[in-house]
């Protein structure tokens, strides 16, 4: 075939190729947004080609479908933290999915609390406190470090250990909670927890947590076990099979707060220690909003100062007396305190 014969064919191919429509889709959302603001979502083709329709969704839940390429969403009822905004575009008989990540923040800054010491009690300074609860006037405490991890029943007024079991040396003990007639206890990096009989401390079973990273703090709301893993996430576990069913993420109006540690559930709120800080956060258990923060730095100065002295860790709330107790890792004292909203 001569070049003159090939030339028309090449021209036809060039024309077809040059006529092919090039799409350049764009999905615009803020990177972060306080939940008292509306979320504006805009989709377009940068080359200004027409499309048939677009379907918007948040976390794969469809919120709008149609030809309008912009939408405004009320996000006030959403959980805080990381979310995924998707746009599925329909064009020329085809579809394409475009995704953005956005972080929802609290609508206001946390309330600041001061504290008042009501009572002081002895505490074992050799106890590297990981979990703390109170039932019928007795403290239940878990301690950490490999080779030193324990589960204890402690007399409140004297600090005397009334009952204790030791974990195998391979385990680093973490948070505990009483649920029904059982005590659930976490370990740090082994991905396994233990279930004990509340009265005898006899081990009844073990369980694994697969979705969360590690085991840190533990409490419950009467329906679910509530667990931290050292991040900003707070997990909700089914107490029957210990499956991690959902989570919230702890955020202020400006940022996430990580290293959430020991927990206590008080009147619908989650109280959380932050590892390496002498403070308590008050977290909304539905949204993850950090509603309050209490700086308890002064308490550390009130205990015996020694080389092993560590940070605040341990929150126990007596539902019957409405009293709040706190201590720390290797602290020689346990404090009954009252939180007071700062003016």
C-alpha atoms as a PDB file:
ATOM      1  CA  UNK A   1       0.000   0.000   0.000  1.00  0.00           C
ATOM      2  CA  UNK A   2       1.434   3.384  -0.996  1.00  0.00           C
ATOM      3  CA  UNK A   3       1.713   6.397   1.314  1.00  0.00           C
ATOM      4  CA  UNK A   4      -1.019   8.127  -0.730  1.00  0.00           C
ATOM      5  CA  UNK A   5      -3.334   5.208   0.029  1.00  0.00           C
ATOM      6  CA  UNK A   6      -2.471   5.198   3.731  1.00  0.00           C
ATOM      7  CA  UNK A   7      -2.840   8.956   4.187  1.00  0.00           C
ATOM      8  CA  UNK A   8      -6.698   9.084   4.200  1.00  0.00           C
ATOM      9  CA  UNK A   9      -6.810   6.325   6.794  1.00  0.00           C
ATOM     10  CA  UNK A  10      -4.355   8.194   9.030  1.00  0.00           C
ATOM     11  CA  UNK A  11      -6.402  11.361   8.730  1.00  0.00           C
ATOM     12  CA  UNK A  12      -9.573   9.540   9.786  1.00  0.00           C
ATOM     13  CA  UNK A  13      -7.812   8.043  12.852  1.00  0.00           C
ATOM     14  CA  UNK A  14      -6.414  11.449  13.758  1.00  0.00           C
ATOM     15  CA  UNK A  15      -9.821  13.070  13.503  1.00  0.00           C
ATOM     16  CA  UNK A  16     -11.469  10.367  15.652  1.00  0.00           C
ATOM     17  CA  UNK A  17      -8.715  10.605  18.247  1.00  0.00           C
ATOM     18  CA  UNK A  18      -8.811  14.370  18.378  1.00  0.00           C
ATOM     19  CA  UNK A  19     -12.589  14.324  18.835  1.00  0.00           C
ATOM     20  CA  UNK A  20     -12.424  12.047  21.891  1.00  0.00           C
ATOM     21  CA  UNK A  21     -13.765  13.939  24.943  1.00  0.00           C
ATOM     22  CA  UNK A  22     -11.253  14.314  27.746  1.00  0.00           C
ATOM     23  CA  UNK A  23     -12.714  14.529  31.271  1.00  0.00           C
ATOM     24  CA  UNK A  24     -10.933  15.971  34.288  1.00  0.00           C
ATOM     25  CA  UNK A  25     -13.193  15.531  37.320  1.00  0.00           C
ATOM     26  CA  UNK A  26     -12.830  17.534  40.525  1.00  0.00           C
ATOM     27  CA  UNK A  27     -14.512  17.105  43.940  1.00  0.00           C
ATOM     28  CA  UNK A  28     -14.171  20.084  46.277  1.00  0.00           C
ATOM     29  CA  UNK A  29     -14.720  19.903  50.047  1.00  0.00           C
ATOM     30  CA  UNK A  30     -12.971  21.471  53.043  1.00  0.00           C
ATOM     31  CA  UNK A  31     -10.216  19.424  54.667  1.00  0.00           C
ATOM     32  CA  UNK A  32     -11.791  19.983  58.091  1.00  0.00           C
ATOM     33  CA  UNK A  33     -15.018  21.523  59.291  1.00  0.00           C
ATOM     34  CA  UNK A  34     -16.694  22.285  62.617  1.00  0.00           C
ATOM     35  CA  UNK A  35     -20.056  20.526  62.840  1.00  0.00           C
ATOM     36  CA  UNK A  36     -21.978  23.748  63.488  1.00  0.00           C
ATOM     37  CA  UNK A  37     -21.204  24.703  59.866  1.00  0.00           C
ATOM     38  CA  UNK A  38     -22.806  23.335  56.707  1.00  0.00           C
ATOM     39  CA  UNK A  39     -20.719  21.104  54.489  1.00  0.00           C
ATOM     40  CA  UNK A  40     -20.505  22.493  50.944  1.00  0.00           C
ATOM     41  CA  UNK A  41     -19.697  19.905  48.272  1.00  0.00           C
ATOM     42  CA  UNK A  42     -18.950  20.891  44.679  1.00  0.00           C
ATOM     43  CA  UNK A  43     -18.284  18.586  41.740  1.00  0.00           C
ATOM     44  CA  UNK A  44     -17.246  19.590  38.233  1.00  0.00           C
ATOM     45  CA  UNK A  45     -15.281  18.689  35.170  1.00  0.00           C
ATOM     46  CA  UNK A  46     -12.351  21.049  34.788  1.00  0.00           C
ATOM     47  CA  UNK A  47     -12.632  20.756  31.021  1.00  0.00           C
ATOM     48  CA  UNK A  48     -16.240  21.959  31.266  1.00  0.00           C
ATOM     49  CA  UNK A  49     -17.756  18.884  29.628  1.00  0.00           C
ATOM     50  CA  UNK A  50     -21.358  18.065  30.390  1.00  0.00           C
ATOM     51  CA  UNK A  51     -22.245  15.042  32.515  1.00  0.00           C
ATOM     52  CA  UNK A  52     -25.485  13.165  33.067  1.00  0.00           C
ATOM     53  CA  UNK A  53     -25.712  13.203  36.868  1.00  0.00           C
ATOM     54  CA  UNK A  54     -23.740  12.836  40.074  1.00  0.00           C
ATOM     55  CA  UNK A  55     -24.414  10.924  43.291  1.00  0.00           C
ATOM     56  CA  UNK A  56     -23.004  12.328  46.547  1.00  0.00           C
ATOM     57  CA  UNK A  57     -22.428  10.238  49.662  1.00  0.00           C
ATOM     58  CA  UNK A  58     -20.707  10.435  53.046  1.00  0.00           C
ATOM     59  CA  UNK A  59     -19.106   7.212  54.297  1.00  0.00           C
ATOM     60  CA  UNK A  60     -20.938   5.379  51.478  1.00  0.00           C
ATOM     61  CA  UNK A  61     -24.333   6.611  52.701  1.00  0.00           C
ATOM     62  CA  UNK A  62     -26.050   8.346  49.773  1.00  0.00           C
ATOM     63  CA  UNK A  63     -27.174  11.900  50.516  1.00  0.00           C
ATOM     64  CA  UNK A  64     -28.142  13.231  47.086  1.00  0.00           C
ATOM     65  CA  UNK A  65     -28.422  12.191  43.433  1.00  0.00           C
ATOM     66  CA  UNK A  66     -29.215  14.449  40.482  1.00  0.00           C
ATOM     67  CA  UNK A  67     -27.947  16.875  37.885  1.00  0.00           C
ATOM     68  CA  UNK A  68     -27.091  19.606  40.401  1.00  0.00           C
ATOM     69  CA  UNK A  69     -23.316  19.507  40.896  1.00  0.00           C
ATOM     70  CA  UNK A  70     -23.341  21.270  44.258  1.00  0.00           C
ATOM     71  CA  UNK A  71     -24.970  20.410  47.568  1.00  0.00           C
ATOM     72  CA  UNK A  72     -24.994  21.679  51.141  1.00  0.00           C
ATOM     73  CA  UNK A  73     -25.254  19.218  54.046  1.00  0.00           C
ATOM     74  CA  UNK A  74     -26.142  19.640  57.718  1.00  0.00           C
ATOM     75  CA  UNK A  75     -23.461  17.650  59.596  1.00  0.00           C
ATOM     76  CA  UNK A  76     -24.494  18.523  63.162  1.00  0.00           C
ATOM     77  CA  UNK A  77     -25.572  14.946  63.927  1.00  0.00           C
ATOM     78  CA  UNK A  78     -22.444  13.265  62.554  1.00  0.00           C
ATOM     79  CA  UNK A  79     -19.738  11.717  64.694  1.00  0.00           C
ATOM     80  CA  UNK A  80     -16.527  13.667  64.885  1.00  0.00           C
ATOM     81  CA  UNK A  81     -13.342  12.631  63.153  1.00  0.00           C
ATOM     82  CA  UNK A  82     -12.441  11.219  59.773  1.00  0.00           C
ATOM     83  CA  UNK A  83     -15.109  10.849  57.085  1.00  0.00           C
ATOM     84  CA  UNK A  84     -15.094  10.046  53.379  1.00  0.00           C
ATOM     85  CA  UNK A  85     -17.019  12.145  50.860  1.00  0.00           C
ATOM     86  CA  UNK A  86     -17.727  10.377  47.567  1.00  0.00           C
ATOM     87  CA  UNK A  87     -19.050  11.579  44.228  1.00  0.00           C
ATOM     88  CA  UNK A  88     -20.083   8.994  41.643  1.00  0.00           C
ATOM     89  CA  UNK A  89     -20.402  10.682  38.249  1.00  0.00           C
ATOM     90  CA  UNK A  90     -22.466   9.275  35.366  1.00  0.00           C
ATOM     91  CA  UNK A  91     -21.372  10.265  31.849  1.00  0.00           C
ATOM     92  CA  UNK A  92     -21.339   8.754  28.345  1.00  0.00           C
ATOM     93  CA  UNK A  93     -22.786   5.516  29.720  1.00  0.00           C
ATOM     94  CA  UNK A  94     -19.897   5.215  32.173  1.00  0.00           C
ATOM     95  CA  UNK A  95     -19.332   5.926  35.865  1.00  0.00           C
ATOM     96  CA  UNK A  96     -16.380   7.158  37.888  1.00  0.00           C
ATOM     97  CA  UNK A  97     -15.927   7.559  41.637  1.00  0.00           C
ATOM     98  CA  UNK A  98     -14.060  10.523  43.116  1.00  0.00           C
ATOM     99  CA  UNK A  99     -13.228  10.608  46.841  1.00  0.00           C
ATOM    100  CA  UNK A 100     -12.124  13.218  49.381  1.00  0.00           C
ATOM    101  CA  UNK A 101     -11.306  12.868  53.084  1.00  0.00           C
ATOM    102  CA  UNK A 102     -12.695  15.395  55.565  1.00  0.00           C
ATOM    103  CA  UNK A 103     -12.445  15.743  59.354  1.00  0.00           C
ATOM    104  CA  UNK A 104     -15.443  16.899  61.383  1.00  0.00           C
ATOM    105  CA  UNK A 105     -14.518  18.919  64.471  1.00  0.00           C
ATOM    106  CA  UNK A 106     -16.470  19.907  67.585  1.00  0.00           C
ATOM    107  CA  UNK A 107     -18.597  23.029  67.459  1.00  0.00           C
ATOM    108  CA  UNK A 108     -17.026  24.656  70.516  1.00  0.00           C
ATOM    109  CA  UNK A 109     -13.949  24.483  72.706  1.00  0.00           C
ATOM    110  CA  UNK A 110     -13.985  22.258  75.816  1.00  0.00           C
ATOM    111  CA  UNK A 111     -15.077  23.574  79.192  1.00  0.00           C
ATOM    112  CA  UNK A 112     -12.133  23.807  81.599  1.00  0.00           C
ATOM    113  CA  UNK A 113     -12.450  22.265  85.064  1.00  0.00           C
ATOM    114  CA  UNK A 114     -10.466  22.787  88.227  1.00  0.00           C
ATOM    115  CA  UNK A 115     -10.578  20.343  91.132  1.00  0.00           C
ATOM    116  CA  UNK A 116     -11.011  20.191  94.863  1.00  0.00           C
ATOM    117  CA  UNK A 117      -9.556  17.393  97.002  1.00  0.00           C
ATOM    118  CA  UNK A 118     -12.237  15.979  99.299  1.00  0.00           C
ATOM    119  CA  UNK A 119     -10.360  13.039 100.845  1.00  0.00           C
ATOM    120  CA  UNK A 120      -6.978  11.340 100.605  1.00  0.00           C
ATOM    121  CA  UNK A 121      -6.332   7.595 101.019  1.00  0.00           C
ATOM    122  CA  UNK A 122      -3.200   5.402 100.985  1.00  0.00           C
ATOM    123  CA  UNK A 123      -2.248   3.734  97.696  1.00  0.00           C
ATOM    124  CA  UNK A 124       0.426   1.150  96.930  1.00  0.00           C
ATOM    125  CA  UNK A 125       3.294   3.099  95.357  1.00  0.00           C
ATOM    126  CA  UNK A 126       4.497  -0.113  93.701  1.00  0.00           C
ATOM    127  CA  UNK A 127       1.231  -0.395  91.769  1.00  0.00           C
ATOM    128  CA  UNK A 128       1.642   0.715  88.153  1.00  0.00           C
ATOM    129  CA  UNK A 129      -2.076   1.477  87.928  1.00  0.00           C
ATOM    130  CA  UNK A 130      -3.762   0.672  84.623  1.00  0.00           C
ATOM    131  CA  UNK A 131      -7.447   0.215  85.475  1.00  0.00           C
ATOM    132  CA  UNK A 132      -9.478   1.340  88.486  1.00  0.00           C
ATOM    133  CA  UNK A 133     -13.099   0.769  89.524  1.00  0.00           C
ATOM    134  CA  UNK A 134     -15.085   0.851  92.752  1.00  0.00           C
ATOM    135  CA  UNK A 135     -17.960  -1.457  93.750  1.00  0.00           C
ATOM    136  CA  UNK A 136     -19.655  -1.769  97.123  1.00  0.00           C
ATOM    137  CA  UNK A 137     -16.975   0.393  98.698  1.00  0.00           C
ATOM    138  CA  UNK A 138     -14.009  -1.695  97.462  1.00  0.00           C
ATOM    139  CA  UNK A 139     -11.529  -0.761  94.768  1.00  0.00           C
ATOM    140  CA  UNK A 140     -10.725  -3.109  91.896  1.00  0.00           C
ATOM    141  CA  UNK A 141      -7.404  -2.329  90.282  1.00  0.00           C
ATOM    142  CA  UNK A 142      -5.234  -3.702  87.487  1.00  0.00           C
ATOM    143  CA  UNK A 143      -1.500  -3.063  87.295  1.00  0.00           C
ATOM    144  CA  UNK A 144       0.993  -3.248  84.458  1.00  0.00           C
ATOM    145  CA  UNK A 145       4.555  -4.185  83.471  1.00  0.00           C
ATOM    146  CA  UNK A 146       5.519  -7.663  82.366  1.00  0.00           C
ATOM    147  CA  UNK A 147       6.176  -9.861  85.366  1.00  0.00           C
ATOM    148  CA  UNK A 148       4.345  -7.420  87.643  1.00  0.00           C
ATOM    149  CA  UNK A 149       0.850  -7.296  86.142  1.00  0.00           C
ATOM    150  CA  UNK A 150      -1.953  -8.048  88.588  1.00  0.00           C
ATOM    151  CA  UNK A 151      -5.687  -7.894  89.223  1.00  0.00           C
ATOM    152  CA  UNK A 152      -6.508  -6.751  92.754  1.00  0.00           C
ATOM    153  CA  UNK A 153      -9.302  -6.103  95.213  1.00  0.00           C
ATOM    154  CA  UNK A 154      -8.242  -3.243  97.496  1.00  0.00           C
ATOM    155  CA  UNK A 155      -9.633  -1.779 100.703  1.00  0.00           C
ATOM    156  CA  UNK A 156     -10.437   1.857  99.977  1.00  0.00           C
ATOM    157  CA  UNK A 157      -9.583   3.460 103.312  1.00  0.00           C
ATOM    158  CA  UNK A 158      -6.300   1.613 103.961  1.00  0.00           C
ATOM    159  CA  UNK A 159      -5.006   0.670 100.509  1.00  0.00           C
ATOM    160  CA  UNK A 160      -4.628  -2.917 101.740  1.00  0.00           C
ATOM    161  CA  UNK A 161      -4.689  -5.559  98.997  1.00  0.00           C
ATOM    162  CA  UNK A 162      -7.416  -8.061  99.952  1.00  0.00           C
ATOM    163  CA  UNK A 163      -7.199 -10.344  96.928  1.00  0.00           C
ATOM    164  CA  UNK A 164      -4.773 -10.592  94.031  1.00  0.00           C
ATOM    165  CA  UNK A 165      -3.928 -12.725  91.022  1.00  0.00           C
ATOM    166  CA  UNK A 166      -0.814 -12.370  88.898  1.00  0.00           C
ATOM    167  CA  UNK A 167      -0.797 -12.447  85.120  1.00  0.00           C
ATOM    168  CA  UNK A 168       1.649 -14.647  83.256  1.00  0.00           C
ATOM    169  CA  UNK A 169       4.973 -12.878  82.725  1.00  0.00           C
ATOM    170  CA  UNK A 170       4.372 -12.524  78.979  1.00  0.00           C
ATOM    171  CA  UNK A 171       1.432 -10.156  79.550  1.00  0.00           C
ATOM    172  CA  UNK A 172       1.463  -6.431  80.266  1.00  0.00           C
ATOM    173  CA  UNK A 173      -1.793  -5.782  82.128  1.00  0.00           C
ATOM    174  CA  UNK A 174      -4.046  -2.896  81.102  1.00  0.00           C
ATOM    175  CA  UNK A 175      -7.579  -1.631  81.813  1.00  0.00           C
ATOM    176  CA  UNK A 176     -10.415  -3.449  83.571  1.00  0.00           C
ATOM    177  CA  UNK A 177     -14.173  -3.149  83.948  1.00  0.00           C
ATOM    178  CA  UNK A 178     -16.845  -5.031  85.852  1.00  0.00           C
ATOM    179  CA  UNK A 179     -19.738  -6.137  83.652  1.00  0.00           C
ATOM    180  CA  UNK A 180     -22.402  -8.249  85.333  1.00  0.00           C
ATOM    181  CA  UNK A 181     -20.695 -10.858  87.472  1.00  0.00           C
ATOM    182  CA  UNK A 182     -17.466 -10.746  85.474  1.00  0.00           C
ATOM    183  CA  UNK A 183     -14.342  -8.609  85.225  1.00  0.00           C
ATOM    184  CA  UNK A 184     -12.929  -7.964  81.771  1.00  0.00           C
ATOM    185  CA  UNK A 185      -9.217  -7.154  81.595  1.00  0.00           C
ATOM    186  CA  UNK A 186      -7.059  -6.043  78.673  1.00  0.00           C
ATOM    187  CA  UNK A 187      -3.410  -6.640  77.907  1.00  0.00           C
ATOM    188  CA  UNK A 188      -1.267  -4.158  76.031  1.00  0.00           C
ATOM    189  CA  UNK A 189       0.307  -5.615  72.880  1.00  0.00           C
ATOM    190  CA  UNK A 190      -0.748  -9.265  72.812  1.00  0.00           C
ATOM    191  CA  UNK A 191      -4.187  -8.552  71.343  1.00  0.00           C
ATOM    192  CA  UNK A 192      -5.865 -10.642  74.015  1.00  0.00           C
ATOM    193  CA  UNK A 193      -8.094  -9.944  77.008  1.00  0.00           C
ATOM    194  CA  UNK A 194      -9.175 -12.026  79.982  1.00  0.00           C
ATOM    195  CA  UNK A 195     -12.560 -12.648  81.589  1.00  0.00           C
ATOM    196  CA  UNK A 196     -12.622 -13.381  85.322  1.00  0.00           C
ATOM    197  CA  UNK A 197     -15.314 -14.264  87.803  1.00  0.00           C
ATOM    198  CA  UNK A 198     -15.956 -11.087  89.781  1.00  0.00           C
ATOM    199  CA  UNK A 199     -16.032 -12.721  93.201  1.00  0.00           C
ATOM    200  CA  UNK A 200     -13.356 -15.434  92.930  1.00  0.00           C
ATOM    201  CA  UNK A 201     -11.049 -13.899  90.254  1.00  0.00           C
ATOM    202  CA  UNK A 202     -11.093 -17.311  88.580  1.00  0.00           C
ATOM    203  CA  UNK A 203     -10.309 -16.972  84.878  1.00  0.00           C
ATOM    204  CA  UNK A 204     -13.320 -18.003  82.815  1.00  0.00           C
ATOM    205  CA  UNK A 205     -12.271 -17.159  79.266  1.00  0.00           C
ATOM    206  CA  UNK A 206     -10.125 -15.073  76.937  1.00  0.00           C
ATOM    207  CA  UNK A 207     -11.007 -12.847  73.995  1.00  0.00           C
ATOM    208  CA  UNK A 208      -9.185 -11.163  71.134  1.00  0.00           C
ATOM    209  CA  UNK A 209      -9.505  -7.672  69.709  1.00  0.00           C
ATOM    210  CA  UNK A 210      -8.623  -7.528  66.039  1.00  0.00           C
ATOM    211  CA  UNK A 211      -9.647  -4.117  64.744  1.00  0.00           C
ATOM    212  CA  UNK A 212      -8.178  -1.885  67.418  1.00  0.00           C
ATOM    213  CA  UNK A 213      -4.424  -1.532  67.596  1.00  0.00           C
ATOM    214  CA  UNK A 214      -3.700  -2.299  71.251  1.00  0.00           C
ATOM    215  CA  UNK A 215      -5.361  -2.698  74.651  1.00  0.00           C
ATOM    216  CA  UNK A 216      -5.257   0.379  76.915  1.00  0.00           C
ATOM    217  CA  UNK A 217      -8.323   1.481  78.907  1.00  0.00           C
ATOM    218  CA  UNK A 218     -11.653  -0.239  79.547  1.00  0.00           C
ATOM    219  CA  UNK A 219     -15.068   0.652  80.972  1.00  0.00           C
ATOM    220  CA  UNK A 220     -18.718  -0.015  80.084  1.00  0.00           C
ATOM    221  CA  UNK A 221     -22.049   1.768  79.790  1.00  0.00           C
ATOM    222  CA  UNK A 222     -24.210  -1.144  80.919  1.00  0.00           C
ATOM    223  CA  UNK A 223     -24.730  -2.286  77.328  1.00  0.00           C
ATOM    224  CA  UNK A 224     -21.309  -2.229  75.661  1.00  0.00           C
ATOM    225  CA  UNK A 225     -17.711  -2.574  76.734  1.00  0.00           C
ATOM    226  CA  UNK A 226     -15.822   0.648  75.936  1.00  0.00           C
ATOM    227  CA  UNK A 227     -12.141   0.404  75.048  1.00  0.00           C
ATOM    228  CA  UNK A 228      -9.186   2.601  74.087  1.00  0.00           C
ATOM    229  CA  UNK A 229      -6.179   1.537  72.033  1.00  0.00           C
ATOM    230  CA  UNK A 230      -3.731   4.424  72.448  1.00  0.00           C
ATOM    231  CA  UNK A 231      -5.103   6.457  69.545  1.00  0.00           C
ATOM    232  CA  UNK A 232      -7.982   8.948  69.393  1.00  0.00           C
ATOM    233  CA  UNK A 233     -10.452   6.089  68.922  1.00  0.00           C
ATOM    234  CA  UNK A 234     -12.836   4.765  71.567  1.00  0.00           C
ATOM    235  CA  UNK A 235     -14.224   1.336  70.656  1.00  0.00           C
ATOM    236  CA  UNK A 236     -17.563  -0.220  71.601  1.00  0.00           C
ATOM    237  CA  UNK A 237     -17.501  -3.992  72.083  1.00  0.00           C
ATOM    238  CA  UNK A 238     -20.292  -6.529  72.307  1.00  0.00           C
ATOM    239  CA  UNK A 239     -19.978  -7.970  75.841  1.00  0.00           C
ATOM    240  CA  UNK A 240     -21.270 -11.373  74.715  1.00  0.00           C
ATOM    241  CA  UNK A 241     -18.653 -12.089  72.057  1.00  0.00           C
ATOM    242  CA  UNK A 242     -16.316  -9.087  72.579  1.00  0.00           C
ATOM    243  CA  UNK A 243     -16.550  -8.099  68.905  1.00  0.00           C
ATOM    244  CA  UNK A 244     -15.506  -4.508  68.202  1.00  0.00           C
ATOM    245  CA  UNK A 245     -18.714  -3.203  66.649  1.00  0.00           C
ATOM    246  CA  UNK A 246     -18.132   0.544  66.310  1.00  0.00           C
ATOM    247  CA  UNK A 247     -16.026   3.445  67.479  1.00  0.00           C
ATOM    248  CA  UNK A 248     -15.986   7.191  68.013  1.00  0.00           C
ATOM    249  CA  UNK A 249     -13.010   9.535  67.692  1.00  0.00           C
ATOM    250  CA  UNK A 250     -12.156  12.154  70.324  1.00  0.00           C
ATOM    251  CA  UNK A 251     -11.913  15.676  68.879  1.00  0.00           C
ATOM    252  CA  UNK A 252     -11.978  19.226  70.149  1.00  0.00           C
ATOM    253  CA  UNK A 253     -13.034  22.139  67.970  1.00  0.00           C
ATOM    254  CA  UNK A 254      -9.473  22.224  66.626  1.00  0.00           C
ATOM    255  CA  UNK A 255      -7.882  18.784  66.632  1.00  0.00           C
ATOM    256  CA  UNK A 256      -7.971  15.134  67.609  1.00  0.00           C
ATOM    257  CA  UNK A 257      -6.620  13.973  70.971  1.00  0.00           C
ATOM    258  CA  UNK A 258      -4.621  10.746  70.974  1.00  0.00           C
ATOM    259  CA  UNK A 259      -3.181   8.462  73.655  1.00  0.00           C
ATOM    260  CA  UNK A 260      -6.543   8.021  75.370  1.00  0.00           C
ATOM    261  CA  UNK A 261      -5.917   5.637  78.242  1.00  0.00           C
ATOM    262  CA  UNK A 262      -7.859   4.687  81.394  1.00  0.00           C
ATOM    263  CA  UNK A 263     -11.619   5.191  81.194  1.00  0.00           C
ATOM    264  CA  UNK A 264     -14.686   5.615  83.365  1.00  0.00           C
ATOM    265  CA  UNK A 265     -18.299   5.963  82.209  1.00  0.00           C
ATOM    266  CA  UNK A 266     -20.107   8.604  84.283  1.00  0.00           C
ATOM    267  CA  UNK A 267     -23.683   9.789  83.667  1.00  0.00           C
ATOM    268  CA  UNK A 268     -23.573   9.240  79.913  1.00  0.00           C
ATOM    269  CA  UNK A 269     -20.076  10.679  79.423  1.00  0.00           C
ATOM    270  CA  UNK A 270     -16.720   8.977  78.998  1.00  0.00           C
ATOM    271  CA  UNK A 271     -13.995  10.233  81.316  1.00  0.00           C
ATOM    272  CA  UNK A 272     -10.522   9.496  79.934  1.00  0.00           C
ATOM    273  CA  UNK A 273      -6.944   9.903  81.079  1.00  0.00           C
ATOM    274  CA  UNK A 274      -4.396  10.980  78.470  1.00  0.00           C
ATOM    275  CA  UNK A 275      -1.194   8.979  78.712  1.00  0.00           C
ATOM    276  CA  UNK A 276       1.761  11.102  79.895  1.00  0.00           C
ATOM    277  CA  UNK A 277      -0.520  13.947  80.927  1.00  0.00           C
ATOM    278  CA  UNK A 278      -2.069  14.616  84.332  1.00  0.00           C
ATOM    279  CA  UNK A 279      -5.496  15.450  82.986  1.00  0.00           C
ATOM    280  CA  UNK A 280      -8.965  14.036  82.411  1.00  0.00           C
ATOM    281  CA  UNK A 281     -11.084  14.512  79.306  1.00  0.00           C
ATOM    282  CA  UNK A 282     -14.882  14.419  79.346  1.00  0.00           C
ATOM    283  CA  UNK A 283     -16.064  12.945  76.040  1.00  0.00           C
ATOM    284  CA  UNK A 284     -19.567  12.722  74.572  1.00  0.00           C
ATOM    285  CA  UNK A 285     -20.146   9.000  74.115  1.00  0.00           C
ATOM    286  CA  UNK A 286     -22.181   9.438  70.932  1.00  0.00           C
ATOM    287  CA  UNK A 287     -20.219  11.974  68.900  1.00  0.00           C
ATOM    288  CA  UNK A 288     -16.685  11.905  70.339  1.00  0.00           C
ATOM    289  CA  UNK A 289     -16.839  15.607  71.186  1.00  0.00           C
ATOM    290  CA  UNK A 290     -14.454  16.564  73.986  1.00  0.00           C
ATOM    291  CA  UNK A 291     -16.788  18.590  76.160  1.00  0.00           C
ATOM    292  CA  UNK A 292     -14.486  19.204  79.090  1.00  0.00           C
ATOM    293  CA  UNK A 293     -10.895  18.963  80.276  1.00  0.00           C
ATOM    294  CA  UNK A 294      -9.644  18.911  83.863  1.00  0.00           C
ATOM    295  CA  UNK A 295      -6.014  19.724  84.608  1.00  0.00           C
ATOM    296  CA  UNK A 296      -4.985  17.694  87.670  1.00  0.00           C
ATOM    297  CA  UNK A 297      -1.259  18.496  87.595  1.00  0.00           C
ATOM    298  CA  UNK A 298      -1.176  19.582  91.237  1.00  0.00           C
ATOM    299  CA  UNK A 299      -2.082  16.115  92.514  1.00  0.00           C
ATOM    300  CA  UNK A 300       1.246  14.625  91.427  1.00  0.00           C
ATOM    301  CA  UNK A 301       3.032  17.030  93.764  1.00  0.00           C
ATOM    302  CA  UNK A 302       0.968  15.742  96.693  1.00  0.00           C
ATOM    303  CA  UNK A 303       2.255  12.164  96.530  1.00  0.00           C
ATOM    304  CA  UNK A 304       5.612  10.710  97.555  1.00  0.00           C
ATOM    305  CA  UNK A 305       8.272  11.714  95.057  1.00  0.00           C
ATOM    306  CA  UNK A 306      10.407   8.744  93.986  1.00  0.00           C
ATOM    307  CA  UNK A 307      12.249   7.533  90.831  1.00  0.00           C
ATOM    308  CA  UNK A 308       9.386   5.315  89.618  1.00  0.00           C
ATOM    309  CA  UNK A 309       6.722   7.995  90.044  1.00  0.00           C
ATOM    310  CA  UNK A 310       4.675   8.286  86.854  1.00  0.00           C
ATOM    311  CA  UNK A 311       1.592  10.112  85.584  1.00  0.00           C
ATOM    312  CA  UNK A 312      -2.044  10.273  86.616  1.00  0.00           C
ATOM    313  CA  UNK A 313      -3.867   7.099  85.618  1.00  0.00           C
ATOM    314  CA  UNK A 314      -6.921   5.606  87.269  1.00  0.00           C
ATOM    315  CA  UNK A 315     -10.480   6.934  87.461  1.00  0.00           C
ATOM    316  CA  UNK A 316     -13.170   5.322  89.617  1.00  0.00           C
ATOM    317  CA  UNK A 317     -16.716   6.592  90.137  1.00  0.00           C
ATOM    318  CA  UNK A 318     -19.023   5.310  92.845  1.00  0.00           C
ATOM    319  CA  UNK A 319     -22.540   5.433  91.406  1.00  0.00           C
ATOM    320  CA  UNK A 320     -24.097   5.008  94.845  1.00  0.00           C
ATOM    321  CA  UNK A 321     -22.275   7.825  96.629  1.00  0.00           C
ATOM    322  CA  UNK A 322     -21.541   9.944  93.505  1.00  0.00           C
ATOM    323  CA  UNK A 323     -17.891  10.160  94.546  1.00  0.00           C
ATOM    324  CA  UNK A 324     -15.007  10.412  92.086  1.00  0.00           C
ATOM    325  CA  UNK A 325     -11.594   8.870  92.827  1.00  0.00           C
ATOM    326  CA  UNK A 326      -8.302   9.225  90.962  1.00  0.00           C
ATOM    327  CA  UNK A 327      -4.735   8.005  91.383  1.00  0.00           C
ATOM    328  CA  UNK A 328      -1.631   7.505  89.272  1.00  0.00           C
ATOM    329  CA  UNK A 329       1.029   5.027  88.268  1.00  0.00           C
ATOM    330  CA  UNK A 330       3.180   4.355  91.353  1.00  0.00           C
ATOM    331  CA  UNK A 331       1.398   7.049  93.352  1.00  0.00           C
ATOM    332  CA  UNK A 332       1.392   6.682  97.138  1.00  0.00           C
ATOM    333  CA  UNK A 333      -2.060   8.236  97.450  1.00  0.00           C
ATOM    334  CA  UNK A 334      -5.552   7.937  96.026  1.00  0.00           C
ATOM    335  CA  UNK A 335      -7.700  11.065  95.970  1.00  0.00           C
ATOM    336  CA  UNK A 336     -11.415  11.673  96.199  1.00  0.00           C
ATOM    337  CA  UNK A 337     -11.927  14.838  94.178  1.00  0.00           C
ATOM    338  CA  UNK A 338     -14.666  17.148  92.963  1.00  0.00           C
ATOM    339  CA  UNK A 339     -14.444  18.736  89.524  1.00  0.00           C
ATOM    340  CA  UNK A 340     -15.414  22.404  89.452  1.00  0.00           C
ATOM    341  CA  UNK A 341     -16.216  24.264  86.273  1.00  0.00           C
ATOM    342  CA  UNK A 342     -13.884  27.222  85.836  1.00  0.00           C
ATOM    343  CA  UNK A 343     -15.611  30.607  85.595  1.00  0.00           C
END
